[in-house]
Amino acid sequence: MWTKRTQYVCAVLLIVSSIALAIYQVADIDDVANGTLMYIAQAFLLAGSIFGLDYYIHHITSILHGKSKNSTAGHTE
């Protein structure tokens, strides 16, 4: 249980730190450096994968166990 909480806290911290870094650079030098943009992209990618992978695993597991009402398993078109 604490591992999921730690993952979510890290994901939120990545998003918040990238936004704060961008705001700081805009306020300080009126521009966002390329390295900062790379950090923002990587932070959002990692945070998105943390949230998205957990959702995807939960959704696929529920489909395989037949618990989802919106399941498309078994339909052939």
C-alpha atoms as a PDB file:
ATOM      1  CA  MET A   1       0.000   0.000   0.000  1.00  0.00           C
ATOM      2  CA  TRP A   2       2.774   2.465   0.832  1.00  0.00           C
ATOM      3  CA  THR A   3       4.522   1.792  -2.480  1.00  0.00           C
ATOM      4  CA  LYS A   4       1.560   3.098  -4.498  1.00  0.00           C
ATOM      5  CA  ARG A   5       1.324   6.136  -2.259  1.00  0.00           C
ATOM      6  CA  THR A   6       5.041   6.774  -2.731  1.00  0.00           C
ATOM      7  CA  GLN A   7       4.674   6.470  -6.501  1.00  0.00           C
ATOM      8  CA  TYR A   8       1.795   8.944  -6.559  1.00  0.00           C
ATOM      9  CA  VAL A   9       3.619  11.412  -4.319  1.00  0.00           C
ATOM     10  CA  CYS A  10       6.675  11.232  -6.569  1.00  0.00           C
ATOM     11  CA  ALA A  11       4.533  11.756  -9.670  1.00  0.00           C
ATOM     12  CA  VAL A  12       2.838  14.797  -8.176  1.00  0.00           C
ATOM     13  CA  LEU A  13       6.197  16.196  -7.023  1.00  0.00           C
ATOM     14  CA  LEU A  14       7.608  15.763 -10.529  1.00  0.00           C
ATOM     15  CA  ILE A  15       4.704  17.701 -12.036  1.00  0.00           C
ATOM     16  CA  VAL A  16       4.823  20.454  -9.418  1.00  0.00           C
ATOM     17  CA  SER A  17       8.609  20.826  -9.604  1.00  0.00           C
ATOM     18  CA  SER A  18       8.585  21.084 -13.402  1.00  0.00           C
ATOM     19  CA  ILE A  19       5.884  23.747 -13.336  1.00  0.00           C
ATOM     20  CA  ALA A  20       7.706  25.658 -10.590  1.00  0.00           C
ATOM     21  CA  LEU A  21      10.985  25.493 -12.507  1.00  0.00           C
ATOM     22  CA  ALA A  22       9.334  26.835 -15.652  1.00  0.00           C
ATOM     23  CA  ILE A  23       7.681  29.675 -13.731  1.00  0.00           C
ATOM     24  CA  TYR A  24      10.997  30.544 -12.060  1.00  0.00           C
ATOM     25  CA  GLN A  25      12.846  30.679 -15.374  1.00  0.00           C
ATOM     26  CA  VAL A  26      10.188  32.813 -17.024  1.00  0.00           C
ATOM     27  CA  ALA A  27      10.212  35.221 -14.085  1.00  0.00           C
ATOM     28  CA  ASP A  28      14.026  35.313 -13.938  1.00  0.00           C
ATOM     29  CA  ILE A  29      15.186  35.359 -17.573  1.00  0.00           C
ATOM     30  CA  ASP A  30      11.906  35.703 -19.540  1.00  0.00           C
ATOM     31  CA  ASP A  31      12.621  32.437 -21.351  1.00  0.00           C
ATOM     32  CA  VAL A  32      12.615  28.697 -20.753  1.00  0.00           C
ATOM     33  CA  ALA A  33      15.901  26.961 -21.494  1.00  0.00           C
ATOM     34  CA  ASN A  34      16.090  23.812 -23.594  1.00  0.00           C
ATOM     35  CA  GLY A  35      17.316  21.745 -20.650  1.00  0.00           C
ATOM     36  CA  THR A  36      14.333  22.850 -18.602  1.00  0.00           C
ATOM     37  CA  LEU A  37      11.976  21.877 -21.402  1.00  0.00           C
ATOM     38  CA  MET A  38      13.613  18.443 -21.526  1.00  0.00           C
ATOM     39  CA  TYR A  39      13.163  18.094 -17.748  1.00  0.00           C
ATOM     40  CA  ILE A  40       9.509  19.106 -18.034  1.00  0.00           C
ATOM     41  CA  ALA A  41       8.917  16.609 -20.837  1.00  0.00           C
ATOM     42  CA  GLN A  42      10.602  13.768 -18.954  1.00  0.00           C
ATOM     43  CA  ALA A  43       8.813  14.636 -15.705  1.00  0.00           C
ATOM     44  CA  PHE A  44       5.402  14.648 -17.367  1.00  0.00           C
ATOM     45  CA  LEU A  45       6.206  11.448 -19.229  1.00  0.00           C
ATOM     46  CA  LEU A  46       7.237   9.651 -16.037  1.00  0.00           C
ATOM     47  CA  ALA A  47       4.291  11.001 -14.033  1.00  0.00           C
ATOM     48  CA  GLY A  48       1.893  10.043 -16.808  1.00  0.00           C
ATOM     49  CA  SER A  49       3.310   6.560 -16.964  1.00  0.00           C
ATOM     50  CA  ILE A  50       2.943   6.154 -13.199  1.00  0.00           C
ATOM     51  CA  PHE A  51      -0.727   7.132 -13.311  1.00  0.00           C
ATOM     52  CA  GLY A  52      -1.503   5.530 -16.674  1.00  0.00           C
ATOM     53  CA  LEU A  53       0.152   2.176 -16.108  1.00  0.00           C
ATOM     54  CA  ASP A  54      -1.705   1.617 -12.847  1.00  0.00           C
ATOM     55  CA  TYR A  55      -5.011   2.475 -14.528  1.00  0.00           C
ATOM     56  CA  TYR A  56      -4.232   0.250 -17.520  1.00  0.00           C
ATOM     57  CA  ILE A  57      -3.329  -2.746 -15.352  1.00  0.00           C
ATOM     58  CA  HIS A  58      -6.468  -2.281 -13.246  1.00  0.00           C
ATOM     59  CA  HIS A  59      -8.661  -1.970 -16.357  1.00  0.00           C
ATOM     60  CA  ILE A  60      -7.172  -5.001 -18.131  1.00  0.00           C
ATOM     61  CA  THR A  61      -7.427  -7.097 -14.966  1.00  0.00           C
ATOM     62  CA  SER A  62     -11.096  -6.203 -14.564  1.00  0.00           C
ATOM     63  CA  ILE A  63     -11.791  -7.069 -18.205  1.00  0.00           C
ATOM     64  CA  LEU A  64     -10.051 -10.424 -17.897  1.00  0.00           C
ATOM     65  CA  HIS A  65     -12.031 -11.273 -14.789  1.00  0.00           C
ATOM     66  CA  GLY A  66     -15.301 -10.148 -16.401  1.00  0.00           C
ATOM     67  CA  LYS A  67     -15.999  -7.387 -13.900  1.00  0.00           C
ATOM     68  CA  SER A  68     -16.221  -4.538 -16.403  1.00  0.00           C
ATOM     69  CA  LYS A  69     -19.583  -3.586 -17.905  1.00  0.00           C
ATOM     70  CA  ASN A  70     -17.879  -1.901 -20.865  1.00  0.00           C
ATOM     71  CA  SER A  71     -15.885  -4.993 -21.696  1.00  0.00           C
ATOM     72  CA  THR A  72     -15.363  -5.681 -25.381  1.00  0.00           C
ATOM     73  CA  ALA A  73     -13.934  -9.136 -24.741  1.00  0.00           C
ATOM     74  CA  GLY A  74     -15.638 -11.756 -26.852  1.00  0.00           C
ATOM     75  CA  HIS A  75     -17.020  -9.346 -29.427  1.00  0.00           C
ATOM     76  CA  THR A  76     -15.821 -10.026 -32.958  1.00  0.00           C
ATOM     77  CA  GLU A  77     -16.672  -7.560 -35.650  1.00  0.00           C
END
